């Protein structure tokens, strides 16, 4: 639980334990959730392989994958603001 307040007024929030930096689908259409803590660990441990895989899949699923489908078959899965504007 997190408490936040301004001017003596405090609000209680029920927040998830993990905050996700990205949620995307890998090459096998499995949902991948990457937390901020995972990325921090990769940076601390200089884990270039996991970092590069994360960056590739995140950018690919966000900016390229929506345009691989000519019909509406996966419109709901890959719909985002960038693809709508493009």
PDB file of N, CA and C in Angstrom:
ATOM      1  N   UNK A   1       0.840  -1.173   0.000  1.00  0.00           N
ATOM      2  CA  UNK A   1       0.000   0.000   0.000  1.00  0.00           C
ATOM      3  C   UNK A   1       0.886   1.238   0.000  1.00  0.00           C
ATOM      4  N   UNK A   2       0.455   2.210  -0.729  1.00  0.00           N
ATOM      5  CA  UNK A   2       1.193   3.449  -0.829  1.00  0.00           C
ATOM      6  C   UNK A   2       0.311   4.582  -0.333  1.00  0.00           C
ATOM      7  N   UNK A   3       0.903   5.464   0.445  1.00  0.00           N
ATOM      8  CA  UNK A   3       0.183   6.634   0.923  1.00  0.00           C
ATOM      9  C   UNK A   3       0.778   7.866   0.262  1.00  0.00           C
ATOM     10  N   UNK A   4      -0.077   8.738  -0.188  1.00  0.00           N
ATOM     11  CA  UNK A   4       0.358   9.944  -0.859  1.00  0.00           C
ATOM     12  C   UNK A   4      -0.478  11.088  -0.332  1.00  0.00           C
ATOM     13  N   UNK A   5       0.142  12.206  -0.057  1.00  0.00           N
ATOM     14  CA  UNK A   5      -0.646  13.291   0.493  1.00  0.00           C
ATOM     15  C   UNK A   5      -0.123  14.663   0.159  1.00  0.00           C
ATOM     16  N   UNK A   6      -1.050  15.603   0.112  1.00  0.00           N
ATOM     17  CA  UNK A   6      -0.738  17.015  -0.096  1.00  0.00           C
ATOM     18  C   UNK A   6      -1.592  17.804   0.885  1.00  0.00           C
ATOM     19  N   UNK A   7      -0.976  18.694   1.599  1.00  0.00           N
ATOM     20  CA  UNK A   7      -1.718  19.576   2.496  1.00  0.00           C
ATOM     21  C   UNK A   7      -2.507  18.849   3.563  1.00  0.00           C
ATOM     22  N   UNK A   8      -1.979  17.765   4.089  1.00  0.00           N
ATOM     23  CA  UNK A   8      -2.650  17.041   5.158  1.00  0.00           C
ATOM     24  C   UNK A   8      -3.704  16.060   4.695  1.00  0.00           C
ATOM     25  N   UNK A   9      -3.973  15.992   3.398  1.00  0.00           N
ATOM     26  CA  UNK A   9      -4.940  15.033   2.867  1.00  0.00           C
ATOM     27  C   UNK A   9      -4.155  13.853   2.304  1.00  0.00           C
ATOM     28  N   UNK A  10      -4.400  12.683   2.852  1.00  0.00           N
ATOM     29  CA  UNK A  10      -3.663  11.499   2.425  1.00  0.00           C
ATOM     30  C   UNK A  10      -4.600  10.506   1.755  1.00  0.00           C
ATOM     31  N   UNK A  11      -4.130   9.935   0.681  1.00  0.00           N
ATOM     32  CA  UNK A  11      -4.905   8.967  -0.085  1.00  0.00           C
ATOM     33  C   UNK A  11      -4.146   7.646  -0.065  1.00  0.00           C
ATOM     34  N   UNK A  12      -4.859   6.571   0.138  1.00  0.00           N
ATOM     35  CA  UNK A  12      -4.251   5.246   0.160  1.00  0.00           C
ATOM     36  C   UNK A  12      -4.483   4.573  -1.189  1.00  0.00           C
ATOM     37  N   UNK A  13      -3.407   4.047  -1.780  1.00  0.00           N
ATOM     38  CA  UNK A  13      -3.484   3.358  -3.064  1.00  0.00           C
ATOM     39  C   UNK A  13      -3.139   1.893  -2.878  1.00  0.00           C
ATOM     40  N   UNK A  14      -3.838   1.031  -3.555  1.00  0.00           N
ATOM     41  CA  UNK A  14      -3.442  -0.373  -3.651  1.00  0.00           C
ATOM     42  C   UNK A  14      -2.725  -0.527  -4.979  1.00  0.00           C
ATOM     43  N   UNK A  15      -1.406  -0.617  -4.928  1.00  0.00           N
ATOM     44  CA  UNK A  15      -0.615  -0.707  -6.147  1.00  0.00           C
ATOM     45  C   UNK A  15      -0.057  -2.116  -6.285  1.00  0.00           C
ATOM     46  N   UNK A  16       0.170  -2.511  -7.531  1.00  0.00           N
ATOM     47  CA  UNK A  16       0.783  -3.805  -7.784  1.00  0.00           C
ATOM     48  C   UNK A  16       2.208  -3.800  -7.250  1.00  0.00           C
ATOM     49  N   UNK A  17       2.710  -4.982  -6.947  1.00  0.00           N
ATOM     50  CA  UNK A  17       4.083  -5.083  -6.483  1.00  0.00           C
ATOM     51  C   UNK A  17       5.064  -4.756  -7.598  1.00  0.00           C
ATOM     52  N   UNK A  18       4.719  -5.099  -8.810  1.00  0.00           N
ATOM     53  CA  UNK A  18       5.597  -4.862  -9.949  1.00  0.00           C
ATOM     54  C   UNK A  18       5.012  -3.769 -10.839  1.00  0.00           C
ATOM     55  N   UNK A  19       5.874  -2.905 -11.303  1.00  0.00           N
ATOM     56  CA  UNK A  19       5.491  -1.927 -12.307  1.00  0.00           C
ATOM     57  C   UNK A  19       6.147  -2.356 -13.605  1.00  0.00           C
ATOM     58  N   UNK A  20       5.350  -2.543 -14.645  1.00  0.00           N
ATOM     59  CA  UNK A  20       5.874  -3.051 -15.903  1.00  0.00           C
ATOM     60  C   UNK A  20       6.280  -1.914 -16.818  1.00  0.00           C
ATOM     61  N   UNK A  21       7.468  -2.049 -17.354  1.00  0.00           N
ATOM     62  CA  UNK A  21       7.974  -1.090 -18.323  1.00  0.00           C
ATOM     63  C   UNK A  21       7.363  -1.367 -19.685  1.00  0.00           C
ATOM     64  N   UNK A  22       7.182  -2.649 -19.990  1.00  0.00           N
ATOM     65  CA  UNK A  22       6.631  -3.023 -21.287  1.00  0.00           C
ATOM     66  C   UNK A  22       5.927  -4.365 -21.196  1.00  0.00           C
ATOM     67  N   UNK A  23       4.875  -4.495 -21.977  1.00  0.00           N
ATOM     68  CA  UNK A  23       4.193  -5.764 -22.171  1.00  0.00           C
ATOM     69  C   UNK A  23       4.084  -5.939 -23.678  1.00  0.00           C
ATOM     70  N   UNK A  24       4.647  -7.033 -24.179  1.00  0.00           N
ATOM     71  CA  UNK A  24       4.666  -7.259 -25.621  1.00  0.00           C
ATOM     72  C   UNK A  24       4.597  -8.754 -25.892  1.00  0.00           C
ATOM     73  N   UNK A  25       4.468  -9.110 -27.168  1.00  0.00           N
ATOM     74  CA  UNK A  25       4.407 -10.508 -27.583  1.00  0.00           C
ATOM     75  C   UNK A  25       5.703 -10.863 -28.291  1.00  0.00           C
ATOM     76  N   UNK A  26       6.275 -12.017 -27.932  1.00  0.00           N
ATOM     77  CA  UNK A  26       7.527 -12.437 -28.559  1.00  0.00           C
ATOM     78  C   UNK A  26       7.245 -13.112 -29.904  1.00  0.00           C
ATOM     79  N   UNK A  27       8.274 -13.751 -30.480  1.00  0.00           N
ATOM     80  CA  UNK A  27       8.144 -14.387 -31.795  1.00  0.00           C
ATOM     81  C   UNK A  27       7.162 -15.555 -31.801  1.00  0.00           C
ATOM     82  N   UNK A  28       6.874 -16.111 -30.637  1.00  0.00           N
ATOM     83  CA  UNK A  28       5.958 -17.242 -30.529  1.00  0.00           C
ATOM     84  C   UNK A  28       4.587 -16.811 -30.012  1.00  0.00           C
ATOM     85  N   UNK A  29       4.320 -15.504 -30.059  1.00  0.00           N
ATOM     86  CA  UNK A  29       3.064 -14.892 -29.601  1.00  0.00           C
ATOM     87  C   UNK A  29       2.764 -15.172 -28.134  1.00  0.00           C
ATOM     88  N   UNK A  30       3.815 -15.291 -27.333  1.00  0.00           N
ATOM     89  CA  UNK A  30       3.653 -15.408 -25.889  1.00  0.00           C
ATOM     90  C   UNK A  30       3.785 -14.021 -25.282  1.00  0.00           C
ATOM     91  N   UNK A  31       2.896 -13.719 -24.361  1.00  0.00           N
ATOM     92  CA  UNK A  31       2.901 -12.406 -23.716  1.00  0.00           C
ATOM     93  C   UNK A  31       4.095 -12.309 -22.767  1.00  0.00           C
ATOM     94  N   UNK A  32       4.904 -11.282 -22.951  1.00  0.00           N
ATOM     95  CA  UNK A  32       6.084 -11.049 -22.129  1.00  0.00           C
ATOM     96  C   UNK A  32       5.868  -9.767 -21.340  1.00  0.00           C
ATOM     97  N   UNK A  33       6.032  -9.866 -20.032  1.00  0.00           N
ATOM     98  CA  UNK A  33       5.935  -8.688 -19.168  1.00  0.00           C
ATOM     99  C   UNK A  33       7.326  -8.406 -18.618  1.00  0.00           C
ATOM    100  N   UNK A  34       7.816  -7.199 -18.851  1.00  0.00           N
ATOM    101  CA  UNK A  34       9.141  -6.814 -18.380  1.00  0.00           C
ATOM    102  C   UNK A  34       8.980  -5.704 -17.357  1.00  0.00           C
ATOM    103  N   UNK A  35       9.461  -5.970 -16.157  1.00  0.00           N
ATOM    104  CA  UNK A  35       9.326  -4.987 -15.085  1.00  0.00           C
ATOM    105  C   UNK A  35      10.528  -4.046 -15.057  1.00  0.00           C
ATOM    106  N   UNK A  36      10.340  -2.938 -14.409  1.00  0.00           N
ATOM    107  CA  UNK A  36      11.418  -1.970 -14.249  1.00  0.00           C
ATOM    108  C   UNK A  36      12.554  -2.594 -13.450  1.00  0.00           C
ATOM    109  N   UNK A  37      12.224  -3.397 -12.446  1.00  0.00           N
ATOM    110  CA  UNK A  37      13.254  -4.055 -11.641  1.00  0.00           C
ATOM    111  C   UNK A  37      14.097  -5.016 -12.466  1.00  0.00           C
ATOM    112  N   UNK A  38      13.480  -5.713 -13.419  1.00  0.00           N
ATOM    113  CA  UNK A  38      14.247  -6.606 -14.291  1.00  0.00           C
ATOM    114  C   UNK A  38      15.261  -5.828 -15.109  1.00  0.00           C
ATOM    115  N   UNK A  39      14.834  -4.717 -15.679  1.00  0.00           N
ATOM    116  CA  UNK A  39      15.739  -3.910 -16.495  1.00  0.00           C
ATOM    117  C   UNK A  39      16.863  -3.340 -15.634  1.00  0.00           C
ATOM    118  N   UNK A  40      16.544  -2.910 -14.425  1.00  0.00           N
ATOM    119  CA  UNK A  40      17.588  -2.418 -13.517  1.00  0.00           C
ATOM    120  C   UNK A  40      18.613  -3.507 -13.222  1.00  0.00           C
ATOM    121  N   UNK A  41      18.134  -4.727 -12.998  1.00  0.00           N
ATOM    122  CA  UNK A  41      19.049  -5.845 -12.748  1.00  0.00           C
ATOM    123  C   UNK A  41      19.936  -6.119 -13.958  1.00  0.00           C
ATOM    124  N   UNK A  42      19.354  -6.078 -15.152  1.00  0.00           N
ATOM    125  CA  UNK A  42      20.154  -6.293 -16.361  1.00  0.00           C
ATOM    126  C   UNK A  42      21.233  -5.230 -16.497  1.00  0.00           C
ATOM    127  N   UNK A  43      20.871  -3.983 -16.200  1.00  0.00           N
ATOM    128  CA  UNK A  43      21.855  -2.903 -16.285  1.00  0.00           C
ATOM    129  C   UNK A  43      22.944  -3.058 -15.230  1.00  0.00           C
ATOM    130  N   UNK A  44      22.555  -3.414 -14.011  1.00  0.00           N
ATOM    131  CA  UNK A  44      23.531  -3.597 -12.931  1.00  0.00           C
ATOM    132  C   UNK A  44      24.497  -4.740 -13.220  1.00  0.00           C
ATOM    133  N   UNK A  45      23.979  -5.807 -13.841  1.00  0.00           N
ATOM    134  CA  UNK A  45      24.798  -6.984 -14.124  1.00  0.00           C
ATOM    135  C   UNK A  45      25.426  -6.957 -15.511  1.00  0.00           C
ATOM    136  N   UNK A  46      25.239  -5.852 -16.228  1.00  0.00           N
ATOM    137  CA  UNK A  46      25.784  -5.693 -17.582  1.00  0.00           C
ATOM    138  C   UNK A  46      25.345  -6.848 -18.488  1.00  0.00           C
ATOM    139  N   UNK A  47      24.071  -7.215 -18.397  1.00  0.00           N
ATOM    140  CA  UNK A  47      23.506  -8.324 -19.155  1.00  0.00           C
ATOM    141  C   UNK A  47      23.050  -7.810 -20.522  1.00  0.00           C
ATOM    142  N   UNK A  48      23.972  -7.793 -21.456  1.00  0.00           N
ATOM    143  CA  UNK A  48      23.697  -7.213 -22.774  1.00  0.00           C
ATOM    144  C   UNK A  48      22.723  -8.049 -23.594  1.00  0.00           C
ATOM    145  N   UNK A  49      22.750  -9.353 -23.417  1.00  0.00           N
ATOM    146  CA  UNK A  49      21.871 -10.216 -24.209  1.00  0.00           C
ATOM    147  C   UNK A  49      20.401  -9.962 -23.878  1.00  0.00           C
ATOM    148  N   UNK A  50      20.058  -9.961 -22.595  1.00  0.00           N
ATOM    149  CA  UNK A  50      18.662  -9.713 -22.209  1.00  0.00           C
ATOM    150  C   UNK A  50      18.227  -8.291 -22.549  1.00  0.00           C
ATOM    151  N   UNK A  51      19.127  -7.327 -22.374  1.00  0.00           N
ATOM    152  CA  UNK A  51      18.801  -5.937 -22.733  1.00  0.00           C
ATOM    153  C   UNK A  51      18.534  -5.798 -24.226  1.00  0.00           C
ATOM    154  N   UNK A  52      19.392  -6.396 -25.041  1.00  0.00           N
ATOM    155  CA  UNK A  52      19.210  -6.272 -26.489  1.00  0.00           C
ATOM    156  C   UNK A  52      17.946  -6.991 -26.951  1.00  0.00           C
ATOM    157  N   UNK A  53      17.640  -8.155 -26.367  1.00  0.00           N
ATOM    158  CA  UNK A  53      16.391  -8.846 -26.711  1.00  0.00           C
ATOM    159  C   UNK A  53      15.180  -8.015 -26.323  1.00  0.00           C
ATOM    160  N   UNK A  54      15.224  -7.413 -25.151  1.00  0.00           N
ATOM    161  CA  UNK A  54      14.119  -6.563 -24.705  1.00  0.00           C
ATOM    162  C   UNK A  54      13.916  -5.383 -25.660  1.00  0.00           C
ATOM    163  N   UNK A  55      14.996  -4.692 -26.000  1.00  0.00           N
ATOM    164  CA  UNK A  55      14.896  -3.521 -26.880  1.00  0.00           C
ATOM    165  C   UNK A  55      14.364  -3.926 -28.247  1.00  0.00           C
ATOM    166  N   UNK A  56      14.896  -5.009 -28.805  1.00  0.00           N
ATOM    167  CA  UNK A  56      14.438  -5.461 -30.119  1.00  0.00           C
ATOM    168  C   UNK A  56      12.944  -5.781 -30.103  1.00  0.00           C
ATOM    169  N   UNK A  57      12.523  -6.646 -29.175  1.00  0.00           N
ATOM    170  CA  UNK A  57      11.119  -7.070 -29.152  1.00  0.00           C
ATOM    171  C   UNK A  57      10.184  -5.916 -28.821  1.00  0.00           C
ATOM    172  N   UNK A  58      10.607  -5.028 -27.961  1.00  0.00           N
ATOM    173  CA  UNK A  58       9.765  -3.878 -27.604  1.00  0.00           C
ATOM    174  C   UNK A  58       9.545  -2.974 -28.812  1.00  0.00           C
ATOM    175  N   UNK A  59      10.620  -2.622 -29.495  1.00  0.00           N
ATOM    176  CA  UNK A  59      10.491  -1.733 -30.644  1.00  0.00           C
ATOM    177  C   UNK A  59       9.803  -2.427 -31.815  1.00  0.00           C
ATOM    178  N   UNK A  60      10.128  -3.689 -32.046  1.00  0.00           N
ATOM    179  CA  UNK A  60       9.507  -4.429 -33.144  1.00  0.00           C
ATOM    180  C   UNK A  60       8.003  -4.568 -32.931  1.00  0.00           C
ATOM    181  N   UNK A  61       7.593  -4.961 -31.728  1.00  0.00           N
ATOM    182  CA  UNK A  61       6.159  -5.161 -31.486  1.00  0.00           C
ATOM    183  C   UNK A  61       5.385  -3.852 -31.490  1.00  0.00           C
ATOM    184  N   UNK A  62       6.053  -2.770 -31.176  1.00  0.00           N
ATOM    185  CA  UNK A  62       5.369  -1.476 -31.110  1.00  0.00           C
ATOM    186  C   UNK A  62       5.286  -0.779 -32.467  1.00  0.00           C
ATOM    187  N   UNK A  63       6.367  -0.840 -33.246  1.00  0.00           N
ATOM    188  CA  UNK A  63       6.431  -0.025 -34.457  1.00  0.00           C
ATOM    189  C   UNK A  63       6.393  -0.803 -35.765  1.00  0.00           C
ATOM    190  N   UNK A  64       6.730  -2.068 -35.783  1.00  0.00           N
ATOM    191  CA  UNK A  64       6.750  -2.817 -37.036  1.00  0.00           C
ATOM    192  C   UNK A  64       5.669  -3.888 -37.130  1.00  0.00           C
ATOM    193  N   UNK A  65       5.451  -4.621 -36.068  1.00  0.00           N
ATOM    194  CA  UNK A  65       4.517  -5.744 -36.093  1.00  0.00           C
ATOM    195  C   UNK A  65       3.089  -5.354 -36.485  1.00  0.00           C
ATOM    196  N   UNK A  66       2.570  -4.203 -36.056  1.00  0.00           N
ATOM    197  CA  UNK A  66       1.193  -3.858 -36.459  1.00  0.00           C
ATOM    198  C   UNK A  66       1.008  -3.756 -37.970  1.00  0.00           C
ATOM    199  N   UNK A  67       2.080  -3.480 -38.708  1.00  0.00           N
ATOM    200  CA  UNK A  67       1.965  -3.309 -40.156  1.00  0.00           C
ATOM    201  C   UNK A  67       2.186  -4.609 -40.917  1.00  0.00           C
ATOM    202  N   UNK A  68       2.440  -5.713 -40.234  1.00  0.00           N
ATOM    203  CA  UNK A  68       2.627  -7.002 -40.891  1.00  0.00           C
ATOM    204  C   UNK A  68       1.292  -7.666 -41.214  1.00  0.00           C
ATOM    205  N   UNK A  69       0.206  -7.121 -40.728  1.00  0.00           N
ATOM    206  CA  UNK A  69      -1.105  -7.720 -40.929  1.00  0.00           C
ATOM    207  C   UNK A  69      -1.923  -6.834 -41.857  1.00  0.00           C
ATOM    208  N   UNK A  70      -2.393  -7.427 -42.964  1.00  0.00           N
ATOM    209  CA  UNK A  70      -3.147  -6.643 -43.938  1.00  0.00           C
ATOM    210  C   UNK A  70      -4.623  -6.533 -43.567  1.00  0.00           C
ATOM    211  N   UNK A  71      -5.093  -7.398 -42.704  1.00  0.00           N
ATOM    212  CA  UNK A  71      -6.501  -7.354 -42.311  1.00  0.00           C
ATOM    213  C   UNK A  71      -6.609  -6.995 -40.831  1.00  0.00           C
ATOM    214  N   UNK A  72      -7.776  -7.125 -40.312  1.00  0.00           N
ATOM    215  CA  UNK A  72      -8.031  -6.780 -38.909  1.00  0.00           C
ATOM    216  C   UNK A  72      -7.816  -7.964 -37.975  1.00  0.00           C
ATOM    217  N   UNK A  73      -7.096  -9.005 -38.431  1.00  0.00           N
ATOM    218  CA  UNK A  73      -6.974 -10.232 -37.641  1.00  0.00           C
ATOM    219  C   UNK A  73      -6.330 -10.005 -36.277  1.00  0.00           C
ATOM    220  N   UNK A  74      -5.396  -9.085 -36.179  1.00  0.00           N
ATOM    221  CA  UNK A  74      -4.720  -8.842 -34.897  1.00  0.00           C
ATOM    222  C   UNK A  74      -4.789  -7.379 -34.502  1.00  0.00           C
ATOM    223  N   UNK A  75      -5.771  -6.686 -34.996  1.00  0.00           N
ATOM    224  CA  UNK A  75      -5.873  -5.249 -34.743  1.00  0.00           C
ATOM    225  C   UNK A  75      -5.953  -4.931 -33.252  1.00  0.00           C
ATOM    226  N   UNK A  76      -6.711  -5.720 -32.510  1.00  0.00           N
ATOM    227  CA  UNK A  76      -6.853  -5.455 -31.076  1.00  0.00           C
ATOM    228  C   UNK A  76      -5.572  -5.728 -30.306  1.00  0.00           C
ATOM    229  N   UNK A  77      -4.811  -6.742 -30.713  1.00  0.00           N
ATOM    230  CA  UNK A  77      -3.581  -7.104 -29.996  1.00  0.00           C
ATOM    231  C   UNK A  77      -2.484  -6.067 -30.169  1.00  0.00           C
ATOM    232  N   UNK A  78      -2.357  -5.515 -31.362  1.00  0.00           N
ATOM    233  CA  UNK A  78      -1.215  -4.662 -31.670  1.00  0.00           C
ATOM    234  C   UNK A  78      -1.589  -3.207 -31.901  1.00  0.00           C
ATOM    235  N   UNK A  79      -2.797  -2.843 -31.566  1.00  0.00           N
ATOM    236  CA  UNK A  79      -3.266  -1.480 -31.782  1.00  0.00           C
ATOM    237  C   UNK A  79      -2.549  -0.526 -30.823  1.00  0.00           C
ATOM    238  N   UNK A  80      -2.005   0.566 -31.364  1.00  0.00           N
ATOM    239  CA  UNK A  80      -1.396   1.597 -30.528  1.00  0.00           C
ATOM    240  C   UNK A  80      -1.476   2.932 -31.252  1.00  0.00           C
ATOM    241  N   UNK A  81      -1.175   3.988 -30.560  1.00  0.00           N
ATOM    242  CA  UNK A  81      -1.291   5.330 -31.121  1.00  0.00           C
ATOM    243  C   UNK A  81      -0.418   5.565 -32.332  1.00  0.00           C
ATOM    244  N   UNK A  82       0.810   5.029 -32.306  1.00  0.00           N
ATOM    245  CA  UNK A  82       1.714   5.216 -33.441  1.00  0.00           C
ATOM    246  C   UNK A  82       1.137   4.604 -34.705  1.00  0.00           C
ATOM    247  N   UNK A  83       0.648   3.364 -34.612  1.00  0.00           N
ATOM    248  CA  UNK A  83       0.124   2.704 -35.808  1.00  0.00           C
ATOM    249  C   UNK A  83      -1.151   3.374 -36.302  1.00  0.00           C
ATOM    250  N   UNK A  84      -1.933   3.936 -35.403  1.00  0.00           N
ATOM    251  CA  UNK A  84      -3.154   4.622 -35.822  1.00  0.00           C
ATOM    252  C   UNK A  84      -2.828   5.907 -36.577  1.00  0.00           C
ATOM    253  N   UNK A  85      -1.802   6.633 -36.134  1.00  0.00           N
ATOM    254  CA  UNK A  85      -1.414   7.862 -36.819  1.00  0.00           C
ATOM    255  C   UNK A  85      -0.705   7.593 -38.136  1.00  0.00           C
ATOM    256  N   UNK A  86       0.090   6.524 -38.171  1.00  0.00           N
ATOM    257  CA  UNK A  86       0.838   6.205 -39.390  1.00  0.00           C
ATOM    258  C   UNK A  86      -0.115   5.705 -40.447  1.00  0.00           C
TER     259      UNK A  86
END
